[in-house]
């Protein structure tokens, strides 16, 4: 059974798609060029995150991003690795990227022993990465900066430095995505009110459709701490980034949602459709 779809999944997958070579470098792997290939491993695996086809040398890199602790993560990485190799017939390097400390635990060892098989996988702990390395990294890695090692750095200062880089380097049409991805990832470390406050003064966020959608939907903004309302907010953030600011009719449909399962289903569909109208079909 597939796991509930989480909004950060959309953010991280889109960040990887925007610059897969940068993500390859982040996890310490080599290669001269990278492309995303279909991560659908048929009915055996429904939830593999991203498979990268690397050239020079030729191999596949499987990136699995985690925000929660899974005692079977090594076994899952082993399974993904074997099935990916079976489908593509290329060497596969498996990488588990832990986005926060809560995803770590004694079972995350980077190694699985099964009979005579000694399977190794790479573990990257984002909170151990120096913040300055991410602040100077390609833009597709910038939204990870608030989750990194902030020793000696103030989080608001980090956001301010991010704003400077995004304003000077990112094309106008990409700024909203970078900030909405940052907002979603901030939710892994900070509560919703703190995340909004950190981005309150960011002009690029104010101008984004995501931010405007949150302002327009006062009911969701006012009751964000409730589980259903928080999930609705996530759907607005992801949908606004994909389809633009929702209309009054769309907001009415969002207000009518009362089921976590239905909201999760719609979140999963955001990467498959091209508009708000298609989402609700």
C-alpha atoms as a PDB file:
ATOM      1  CA  UNK A   1       0.000   0.000   0.000  1.00  0.00           C
ATOM      2  CA  UNK A   2       1.311   3.446  -0.873  1.00  0.00           C
ATOM      3  CA  UNK A   3       1.922   5.952   1.893  1.00  0.00           C
ATOM      4  CA  UNK A   4      -0.136   9.128   2.386  1.00  0.00           C
ATOM      5  CA  UNK A   5       1.043  11.791  -0.034  1.00  0.00           C
ATOM      6  CA  UNK A   6       2.803  14.661   1.681  1.00  0.00           C
ATOM      7  CA  UNK A   7       3.181  18.192   0.275  1.00  0.00           C
ATOM      8  CA  UNK A   8       6.955  18.248   0.739  1.00  0.00           C
ATOM      9  CA  UNK A   9       7.096  15.303  -1.701  1.00  0.00           C
ATOM     10  CA  UNK A  10       5.920  17.588  -4.493  1.00  0.00           C
ATOM     11  CA  UNK A  11       8.375  20.328  -3.507  1.00  0.00           C
ATOM     12  CA  UNK A  12      11.433  18.084  -3.347  1.00  0.00           C
ATOM     13  CA  UNK A  13      10.597  16.188  -6.532  1.00  0.00           C
ATOM     14  CA  UNK A  14      10.180  19.445  -8.443  1.00  0.00           C
ATOM     15  CA  UNK A  15      13.444  20.758  -6.999  1.00  0.00           C
ATOM     16  CA  UNK A  16      15.239  17.619  -8.167  1.00  0.00           C
ATOM     17  CA  UNK A  17      13.659  17.908 -11.617  1.00  0.00           C
ATOM     18  CA  UNK A  18      14.736  21.545 -11.909  1.00  0.00           C
ATOM     19  CA  UNK A  19      18.446  20.702 -11.492  1.00  0.00           C
ATOM     20  CA  UNK A  20      19.191  16.972 -11.103  1.00  0.00           C
ATOM     21  CA  UNK A  21      22.948  17.511 -11.481  1.00  0.00           C
ATOM     22  CA  UNK A  22      22.952  19.809  -8.441  1.00  0.00           C
ATOM     23  CA  UNK A  23      21.217  17.127  -6.389  1.00  0.00           C
ATOM     24  CA  UNK A  24      23.691  14.526  -7.615  1.00  0.00           C
ATOM     25  CA  UNK A  25      26.520  16.733  -6.354  1.00  0.00           C
ATOM     26  CA  UNK A  26      24.681  17.291  -3.053  1.00  0.00           C
ATOM     27  CA  UNK A  27      24.739  13.567  -2.257  1.00  0.00           C
ATOM     28  CA  UNK A  28      28.391  13.244  -3.261  1.00  0.00           C
ATOM     29  CA  UNK A  29      28.043  11.366  -6.550  1.00  0.00           C
ATOM     30  CA  UNK A  30      29.906  11.975  -9.801  1.00  0.00           C
ATOM     31  CA  UNK A  31      28.747  12.288 -13.390  1.00  0.00           C
ATOM     32  CA  UNK A  32      28.939  14.721 -16.278  1.00  0.00           C
ATOM     33  CA  UNK A  33      25.239  14.778 -17.164  1.00  0.00           C
ATOM     34  CA  UNK A  34      22.004  13.667 -15.549  1.00  0.00           C
ATOM     35  CA  UNK A  35      18.418  13.147 -16.637  1.00  0.00           C
ATOM     36  CA  UNK A  36      15.292  12.117 -14.763  1.00  0.00           C
ATOM     37  CA  UNK A  37      13.854   8.775 -15.791  1.00  0.00           C
ATOM     38  CA  UNK A  38      10.492   7.268 -14.980  1.00  0.00           C
ATOM     39  CA  UNK A  39      10.533   6.167 -11.341  1.00  0.00           C
ATOM     40  CA  UNK A  40       7.423   4.026 -11.786  1.00  0.00           C
ATOM     41  CA  UNK A  41       8.659   0.536 -10.977  1.00  0.00           C
ATOM     42  CA  UNK A  42       5.300  -1.031 -11.860  1.00  0.00           C
ATOM     43  CA  UNK A  43       3.165  -2.628  -9.160  1.00  0.00           C
ATOM     44  CA  UNK A  44       6.129  -3.787  -7.076  1.00  0.00           C
ATOM     45  CA  UNK A  45       7.012  -0.270  -5.910  1.00  0.00           C
ATOM     46  CA  UNK A  46       4.618   2.668  -5.870  1.00  0.00           C
ATOM     47  CA  UNK A  47       6.615   5.227  -3.936  1.00  0.00           C
ATOM     48  CA  UNK A  48      10.193   5.422  -5.222  1.00  0.00           C
ATOM     49  CA  UNK A  49      11.094   9.111  -5.251  1.00  0.00           C
ATOM     50  CA  UNK A  50      13.485   9.896  -8.108  1.00  0.00           C
ATOM     51  CA  UNK A  51      15.693   7.831 -10.406  1.00  0.00           C
ATOM     52  CA  UNK A  52      18.515   9.739 -12.123  1.00  0.00           C
ATOM     53  CA  UNK A  53      20.200   8.424 -15.282  1.00  0.00           C
ATOM     54  CA  UNK A  54      23.838   9.473 -14.986  1.00  0.00           C
ATOM     55  CA  UNK A  55      26.393   9.563 -17.787  1.00  0.00           C
ATOM     56  CA  UNK A  56      30.196   9.426 -17.595  1.00  0.00           C
ATOM     57  CA  UNK A  57      30.227   7.130 -15.686  1.00  0.00           C
ATOM     58  CA  UNK A  58      27.011   5.345 -16.627  1.00  0.00           C
ATOM     59  CA  UNK A  59      24.806   4.337 -13.717  1.00  0.00           C
ATOM     60  CA  UNK A  60      21.495   5.093 -12.019  1.00  0.00           C
ATOM     61  CA  UNK A  61      21.121   7.049  -8.805  1.00  0.00           C
ATOM     62  CA  UNK A  62      18.027   6.395  -6.735  1.00  0.00           C
ATOM     63  CA  UNK A  63      17.221   9.263  -4.353  1.00  0.00           C
ATOM     64  CA  UNK A  64      14.787   8.562  -1.532  1.00  0.00           C
ATOM     65  CA  UNK A  65      13.854  11.569   0.611  1.00  0.00           C
ATOM     66  CA  UNK A  66      12.504  10.969   4.094  1.00  0.00           C
ATOM     67  CA  UNK A  67      11.012  13.179   6.807  1.00  0.00           C
ATOM     68  CA  UNK A  68       9.881  10.366   9.133  1.00  0.00           C
ATOM     69  CA  UNK A  69      11.745   7.468  10.702  1.00  0.00           C
ATOM     70  CA  UNK A  70      11.249   4.072   9.077  1.00  0.00           C
ATOM     71  CA  UNK A  71      12.789   1.053  10.713  1.00  0.00           C
ATOM     72  CA  UNK A  72      12.689  -0.783   7.382  1.00  0.00           C
ATOM     73  CA  UNK A  73      14.295   2.014   5.340  1.00  0.00           C
ATOM     74  CA  UNK A  74      17.389  -0.066   4.576  1.00  0.00           C
ATOM     75  CA  UNK A  75      15.270  -2.985   3.408  1.00  0.00           C
ATOM     76  CA  UNK A  76      13.220  -0.649   1.226  1.00  0.00           C
ATOM     77  CA  UNK A  77      16.365   0.863  -0.296  1.00  0.00           C
ATOM     78  CA  UNK A  78      17.594  -2.679  -1.018  1.00  0.00           C
ATOM     79  CA  UNK A  79      14.298  -3.546  -2.703  1.00  0.00           C
ATOM     80  CA  UNK A  80      14.208  -0.336  -4.757  1.00  0.00           C
ATOM     81  CA  UNK A  81      17.799  -0.919  -5.819  1.00  0.00           C
ATOM     82  CA  UNK A  82      17.192  -4.493  -6.973  1.00  0.00           C
ATOM     83  CA  UNK A  83      13.991  -3.706  -8.861  1.00  0.00           C
ATOM     84  CA  UNK A  84      15.542  -0.636 -10.508  1.00  0.00           C
ATOM     85  CA  UNK A  85      18.495  -2.720 -11.678  1.00  0.00           C
ATOM     86  CA  UNK A  86      16.167  -5.451 -12.958  1.00  0.00           C
ATOM     87  CA  UNK A  87      14.187  -2.916 -14.992  1.00  0.00           C
ATOM     88  CA  UNK A  88      17.073  -0.841 -16.404  1.00  0.00           C
ATOM     89  CA  UNK A  89      20.087  -3.181 -16.307  1.00  0.00           C
ATOM     90  CA  UNK A  90      22.488  -0.538 -15.078  1.00  0.00           C
ATOM     91  CA  UNK A  91      24.387  -0.292 -11.787  1.00  0.00           C
ATOM     92  CA  UNK A  92      22.288   1.485  -9.151  1.00  0.00           C
ATOM     93  CA  UNK A  93      23.504   3.641  -6.273  1.00  0.00           C
ATOM     94  CA  UNK A  94      20.878   4.176  -3.577  1.00  0.00           C
ATOM     95  CA  UNK A  95      20.811   7.351  -1.506  1.00  0.00           C
ATOM     96  CA  UNK A  96      18.530   8.085   1.444  1.00  0.00           C
ATOM     97  CA  UNK A  97      18.240  11.820   2.145  1.00  0.00           C
ATOM     98  CA  UNK A  98      16.957  12.505   5.662  1.00  0.00           C
ATOM     99  CA  UNK A  99      15.364  15.940   5.791  1.00  0.00           C
ATOM    100  CA  UNK A 100      15.169  16.255   9.585  1.00  0.00           C
ATOM    101  CA  UNK A 101      16.474  14.604  12.740  1.00  0.00           C
ATOM    102  CA  UNK A 102      13.128  12.901  13.391  1.00  0.00           C
ATOM    103  CA  UNK A 103      13.772  10.762  10.287  1.00  0.00           C
ATOM    104  CA  UNK A 104      16.972   9.316  11.763  1.00  0.00           C
ATOM    105  CA  UNK A 105      17.356   6.351  14.067  1.00  0.00           C
ATOM    106  CA  UNK A 106      19.367   3.214  14.847  1.00  0.00           C
ATOM    107  CA  UNK A 107      17.984   1.372  11.819  1.00  0.00           C
ATOM    108  CA  UNK A 108      19.457   3.933   9.380  1.00  0.00           C
ATOM    109  CA  UNK A 109      22.931   2.418   9.126  1.00  0.00           C
ATOM    110  CA  UNK A 110      23.712   2.648   5.409  1.00  0.00           C
ATOM    111  CA  UNK A 111      24.010  -1.118   5.288  1.00  0.00           C
ATOM    112  CA  UNK A 112      21.750  -4.170   4.893  1.00  0.00           C
ATOM    113  CA  UNK A 113      22.973  -7.725   5.302  1.00  0.00           C
ATOM    114  CA  UNK A 114      20.830 -10.462   3.811  1.00  0.00           C
ATOM    115  CA  UNK A 115      22.426 -13.879   3.752  1.00  0.00           C
ATOM    116  CA  UNK A 116      25.692 -13.464   1.885  1.00  0.00           C
ATOM    117  CA  UNK A 117      24.583 -10.122   0.441  1.00  0.00           C
ATOM    118  CA  UNK A 118      26.102  -6.972   1.946  1.00  0.00           C
ATOM    119  CA  UNK A 119      24.148  -4.063   0.491  1.00  0.00           C
ATOM    120  CA  UNK A 120      25.377  -0.518   1.088  1.00  0.00           C
ATOM    121  CA  UNK A 121      23.458   2.725   0.618  1.00  0.00           C
ATOM    122  CA  UNK A 122      24.416   6.365   1.159  1.00  0.00           C
ATOM    123  CA  UNK A 123      22.777   8.364   3.942  1.00  0.00           C
ATOM    124  CA  UNK A 124      22.705  12.178   3.723  1.00  0.00           C
ATOM    125  CA  UNK A 125      21.510  14.019   6.831  1.00  0.00           C
ATOM    126  CA  UNK A 126      20.475  17.501   5.743  1.00  0.00           C
ATOM    127  CA  UNK A 127      20.733  18.996   9.255  1.00  0.00           C
ATOM    128  CA  UNK A 128      24.455  18.122   9.244  1.00  0.00           C
ATOM    129  CA  UNK A 129      25.169  20.050   6.035  1.00  0.00           C
ATOM    130  CA  UNK A 130      26.795  23.461   6.603  1.00  0.00           C
ATOM    131  CA  UNK A 131      24.281  26.193   5.902  1.00  0.00           C
ATOM    132  CA  UNK A 132      26.802  28.266   3.939  1.00  0.00           C
ATOM    133  CA  UNK A 133      27.358  25.394   1.504  1.00  0.00           C
ATOM    134  CA  UNK A 134      23.651  25.425   0.686  1.00  0.00           C
ATOM    135  CA  UNK A 135      23.395  29.210   0.589  1.00  0.00           C
ATOM    136  CA  UNK A 136      26.077  29.199  -2.121  1.00  0.00           C
ATOM    137  CA  UNK A 137      24.769  26.093  -3.913  1.00  0.00           C
ATOM    138  CA  UNK A 138      22.653  26.056  -7.110  1.00  0.00           C
ATOM    139  CA  UNK A 139      19.176  27.504  -6.640  1.00  0.00           C
ATOM    140  CA  UNK A 140      17.520  24.068  -6.714  1.00  0.00           C
ATOM    141  CA  UNK A 141      19.196  23.327  -3.363  1.00  0.00           C
ATOM    142  CA  UNK A 142      18.562  26.713  -1.742  1.00  0.00           C
ATOM    143  CA  UNK A 143      15.200  25.783  -0.093  1.00  0.00           C
ATOM    144  CA  UNK A 144      17.102  23.160   1.947  1.00  0.00           C
ATOM    145  CA  UNK A 145      19.175  25.846   3.689  1.00  0.00           C
ATOM    146  CA  UNK A 146      16.734  26.402   6.610  1.00  0.00           C
ATOM    147  CA  UNK A 147      16.881  22.649   7.359  1.00  0.00           C
ATOM    148  CA  UNK A 148      20.687  22.512   7.451  1.00  0.00           C
ATOM    149  CA  UNK A 149      23.208  23.083  10.263  1.00  0.00           C
ATOM    150  CA  UNK A 150      22.538  26.651  11.371  1.00  0.00           C
ATOM    151  CA  UNK A 151      25.244  26.699  14.039  1.00  0.00           C
ATOM    152  CA  UNK A 152      26.271  30.323  14.411  1.00  0.00           C
ATOM    153  CA  UNK A 153      23.597  31.507  11.956  1.00  0.00           C
ATOM    154  CA  UNK A 154      20.249  33.148  12.606  1.00  0.00           C
ATOM    155  CA  UNK A 155      17.361  31.633  10.637  1.00  0.00           C
ATOM    156  CA  UNK A 156      16.041  35.064   9.625  1.00  0.00           C
ATOM    157  CA  UNK A 157      19.494  35.959   8.322  1.00  0.00           C
ATOM    158  CA  UNK A 158      19.469  32.746   6.297  1.00  0.00           C
ATOM    159  CA  UNK A 159      16.106  33.675   4.773  1.00  0.00           C
ATOM    160  CA  UNK A 160      17.416  37.161   3.986  1.00  0.00           C
ATOM    161  CA  UNK A 161      20.441  35.691   2.184  1.00  0.00           C
ATOM    162  CA  UNK A 162      18.144  33.376   0.257  1.00  0.00           C
ATOM    163  CA  UNK A 163      16.053  36.363  -0.794  1.00  0.00           C
ATOM    164  CA  UNK A 164      19.124  38.174  -2.110  1.00  0.00           C
ATOM    165  CA  UNK A 165      20.149  35.213  -4.244  1.00  0.00           C
ATOM    166  CA  UNK A 166      16.648  34.472  -5.546  1.00  0.00           C
ATOM    167  CA  UNK A 167      16.033  38.138  -6.408  1.00  0.00           C
ATOM    168  CA  UNK A 168      19.330  38.468  -8.280  1.00  0.00           C
ATOM    169  CA  UNK A 169      19.690  35.032  -9.894  1.00  0.00           C
ATOM    170  CA  UNK A 170      16.299  33.358 -10.350  1.00  0.00           C
ATOM    171  CA  UNK A 171      14.116  34.138 -13.363  1.00  0.00           C
ATOM    172  CA  UNK A 172      10.955  35.927 -12.291  1.00  0.00           C
ATOM    173  CA  UNK A 173       8.775  32.965 -13.253  1.00  0.00           C
ATOM    174  CA  UNK A 174      10.743  30.630 -10.948  1.00  0.00           C
ATOM    175  CA  UNK A 175      10.807  32.763  -7.807  1.00  0.00           C
ATOM    176  CA  UNK A 176       7.322  31.803  -6.651  1.00  0.00           C
ATOM    177  CA  UNK A 177       8.190  28.109  -6.902  1.00  0.00           C
ATOM    178  CA  UNK A 178      11.417  28.493  -4.926  1.00  0.00           C
ATOM    179  CA  UNK A 179       9.622  30.342  -2.133  1.00  0.00           C
ATOM    180  CA  UNK A 180       6.655  27.978  -2.016  1.00  0.00           C
ATOM    181  CA  UNK A 181       9.094  25.032  -1.853  1.00  0.00           C
ATOM    182  CA  UNK A 182      10.878  26.833   0.982  1.00  0.00           C
ATOM    183  CA  UNK A 183       7.581  27.375   2.803  1.00  0.00           C
ATOM    184  CA  UNK A 184       6.680  23.690   2.545  1.00  0.00           C
ATOM    185  CA  UNK A 185      10.102  22.524   3.704  1.00  0.00           C
ATOM    186  CA  UNK A 186      10.105  25.018   6.596  1.00  0.00           C
ATOM    187  CA  UNK A 187       7.060  23.106   7.836  1.00  0.00           C
ATOM    188  CA  UNK A 188       9.319  20.130   8.570  1.00  0.00           C
ATOM    189  CA  UNK A 189      11.200  22.130  11.214  1.00  0.00           C
ATOM    190  CA  UNK A 190       8.993  25.031  12.288  1.00  0.00           C
ATOM    191  CA  UNK A 191       5.310  25.443  13.080  1.00  0.00           C
ATOM    192  CA  UNK A 192       3.079  27.095  10.492  1.00  0.00           C
ATOM    193  CA  UNK A 193       2.952  30.475  12.247  1.00  0.00           C
ATOM    194  CA  UNK A 194       6.751  30.663  12.530  1.00  0.00           C
ATOM    195  CA  UNK A 195       7.221  29.640   8.885  1.00  0.00           C
ATOM    196  CA  UNK A 196       4.825  32.350   7.718  1.00  0.00           C
ATOM    197  CA  UNK A 197       6.498  34.953   9.940  1.00  0.00           C
ATOM    198  CA  UNK A 198       9.947  34.097   8.557  1.00  0.00           C
ATOM    199  CA  UNK A 199       8.736  34.726   5.022  1.00  0.00           C
ATOM    200  CA  UNK A 200       6.464  37.655   5.842  1.00  0.00           C
ATOM    201  CA  UNK A 201       8.921  40.298   4.676  1.00  0.00           C
ATOM    202  CA  UNK A 202       9.990  38.498   1.520  1.00  0.00           C
ATOM    203  CA  UNK A 203       8.766  40.560  -1.419  1.00  0.00           C
ATOM    204  CA  UNK A 204       9.003  37.633  -3.810  1.00  0.00           C
ATOM    205  CA  UNK A 205       6.761  35.583  -1.536  1.00  0.00           C
ATOM    206  CA  UNK A 206       4.232  38.391  -1.267  1.00  0.00           C
ATOM    207  CA  UNK A 207       4.049  38.572  -5.050  1.00  0.00           C
ATOM    208  CA  UNK A 208       3.690  34.822  -5.537  1.00  0.00           C
ATOM    209  CA  UNK A 209       0.347  33.188  -6.249  1.00  0.00           C
ATOM    210  CA  UNK A 210       0.966  30.841  -3.321  1.00  0.00           C
ATOM    211  CA  UNK A 211       1.163  33.673  -0.801  1.00  0.00           C
ATOM    212  CA  UNK A 212      -1.835  35.472  -2.276  1.00  0.00           C
ATOM    213  CA  UNK A 213      -3.891  32.275  -2.140  1.00  0.00           C
ATOM    214  CA  UNK A 214      -3.092  31.905   1.551  1.00  0.00           C
ATOM    215  CA  UNK A 215      -4.168  35.494   2.219  1.00  0.00           C
ATOM    216  CA  UNK A 216      -7.409  35.104   0.278  1.00  0.00           C
ATOM    217  CA  UNK A 217      -8.394  31.964   2.124  1.00  0.00           C
ATOM    218  CA  UNK A 218      -8.923  33.476   5.558  1.00  0.00           C
ATOM    219  CA  UNK A 219     -10.703  30.450   6.970  1.00  0.00           C
ATOM    220  CA  UNK A 220      -7.727  28.234   6.243  1.00  0.00           C
ATOM    221  CA  UNK A 221      -5.285  30.897   7.453  1.00  0.00           C
ATOM    222  CA  UNK A 222      -7.219  31.419  10.667  1.00  0.00           C
ATOM    223  CA  UNK A 223      -7.531  27.754  11.571  1.00  0.00           C
ATOM    224  CA  UNK A 224      -4.256  26.451  10.222  1.00  0.00           C
ATOM    225  CA  UNK A 225      -3.466  24.397  13.317  1.00  0.00           C
ATOM    226  CA  UNK A 226      -6.386  22.032  12.728  1.00  0.00           C
ATOM    227  CA  UNK A 227      -5.388  18.892  10.859  1.00  0.00           C
ATOM    228  CA  UNK A 228      -7.876  19.196   7.995  1.00  0.00           C
ATOM    229  CA  UNK A 229      -7.281  22.931   7.651  1.00  0.00           C
ATOM    230  CA  UNK A 230      -3.517  22.402   7.616  1.00  0.00           C
ATOM    231  CA  UNK A 231      -3.892  19.812   4.857  1.00  0.00           C
ATOM    232  CA  UNK A 232      -6.078  22.225   2.885  1.00  0.00           C
ATOM    233  CA  UNK A 233      -3.378  24.871   3.247  1.00  0.00           C
ATOM    234  CA  UNK A 234      -0.812  22.437   1.872  1.00  0.00           C
ATOM    235  CA  UNK A 235      -3.075  21.712  -1.081  1.00  0.00           C
ATOM    236  CA  UNK A 236      -3.427  25.452  -1.763  1.00  0.00           C
ATOM    237  CA  UNK A 237       0.356  25.935  -1.616  1.00  0.00           C
ATOM    238  CA  UNK A 238       1.070  23.050  -3.997  1.00  0.00           C
ATOM    239  CA  UNK A 239      -1.844  23.820  -6.314  1.00  0.00           C
ATOM    240  CA  UNK A 240      -1.085  27.540  -6.503  1.00  0.00           C
ATOM    241  CA  UNK A 241       2.490  26.788  -7.469  1.00  0.00           C
ATOM    242  CA  UNK A 242       1.309  24.439 -10.213  1.00  0.00           C
ATOM    243  CA  UNK A 243      -1.840  26.167 -11.501  1.00  0.00           C
ATOM    244  CA  UNK A 244      -1.838  29.760 -10.245  1.00  0.00           C
ATOM    245  CA  UNK A 245      -4.044  31.547  -7.723  1.00  0.00           C
ATOM    246  CA  UNK A 246      -7.312  29.648  -7.167  1.00  0.00           C
ATOM    247  CA  UNK A 247     -10.558  31.340  -8.105  1.00  0.00           C
ATOM    248  CA  UNK A 248     -13.426  31.905  -5.684  1.00  0.00           C
ATOM    249  CA  UNK A 249     -15.138  28.776  -7.051  1.00  0.00           C
ATOM    250  CA  UNK A 250     -12.002  26.691  -6.433  1.00  0.00           C
ATOM    251  CA  UNK A 251     -11.675  28.085  -2.911  1.00  0.00           C
ATOM    252  CA  UNK A 252     -15.291  27.114  -2.297  1.00  0.00           C
ATOM    253  CA  UNK A 253     -14.492  23.563  -3.385  1.00  0.00           C
ATOM    254  CA  UNK A 254     -11.477  23.533  -1.080  1.00  0.00           C
ATOM    255  CA  UNK A 255     -13.618  24.771   1.802  1.00  0.00           C
ATOM    256  CA  UNK A 256     -16.027  21.903   1.216  1.00  0.00           C
ATOM    257  CA  UNK A 257     -13.330  19.249   1.710  1.00  0.00           C
ATOM    258  CA  UNK A 258     -13.701  17.378   5.003  1.00  0.00           C
ATOM    259  CA  UNK A 259     -11.724  14.178   4.445  1.00  0.00           C
ATOM    260  CA  UNK A 260      -7.951  13.768   4.874  1.00  0.00           C
ATOM    261  CA  UNK A 261      -8.066  10.894   2.393  1.00  0.00           C
ATOM    262  CA  UNK A 262      -9.671  13.089  -0.271  1.00  0.00           C
ATOM    263  CA  UNK A 263      -7.154  15.899   0.301  1.00  0.00           C
ATOM    264  CA  UNK A 264      -4.269  13.408   0.030  1.00  0.00           C
ATOM    265  CA  UNK A 265      -5.768  12.072  -3.208  1.00  0.00           C
ATOM    266  CA  UNK A 266      -5.924  15.609  -4.638  1.00  0.00           C
ATOM    267  CA  UNK A 267      -2.347  16.323  -3.528  1.00  0.00           C
ATOM    268  CA  UNK A 268      -1.194  13.226  -5.383  1.00  0.00           C
ATOM    269  CA  UNK A 269      -3.055  14.388  -8.513  1.00  0.00           C
ATOM    270  CA  UNK A 270      -1.366  17.809  -8.571  1.00  0.00           C
ATOM    271  CA  UNK A 271       1.641  16.311 -10.357  1.00  0.00           C
ATOM    272  CA  UNK A 272      -0.563  14.603 -12.955  1.00  0.00           C
ATOM    273  CA  UNK A 273      -2.939  17.370 -14.089  1.00  0.00           C
ATOM    274  CA  UNK A 274      -2.466  20.857 -15.512  1.00  0.00           C
ATOM    275  CA  UNK A 275      -5.177  23.020 -13.925  1.00  0.00           C
ATOM    276  CA  UNK A 276      -7.455  23.466 -10.928  1.00  0.00           C
ATOM    277  CA  UNK A 277     -10.440  22.372 -13.027  1.00  0.00           C
ATOM    278  CA  UNK A 278      -8.718  19.109 -13.996  1.00  0.00           C
ATOM    279  CA  UNK A 279      -7.780  18.520 -10.366  1.00  0.00           C
ATOM    280  CA  UNK A 280     -11.413  18.425  -9.283  1.00  0.00           C
ATOM    281  CA  UNK A 281     -12.696  16.435 -12.297  1.00  0.00           C
END
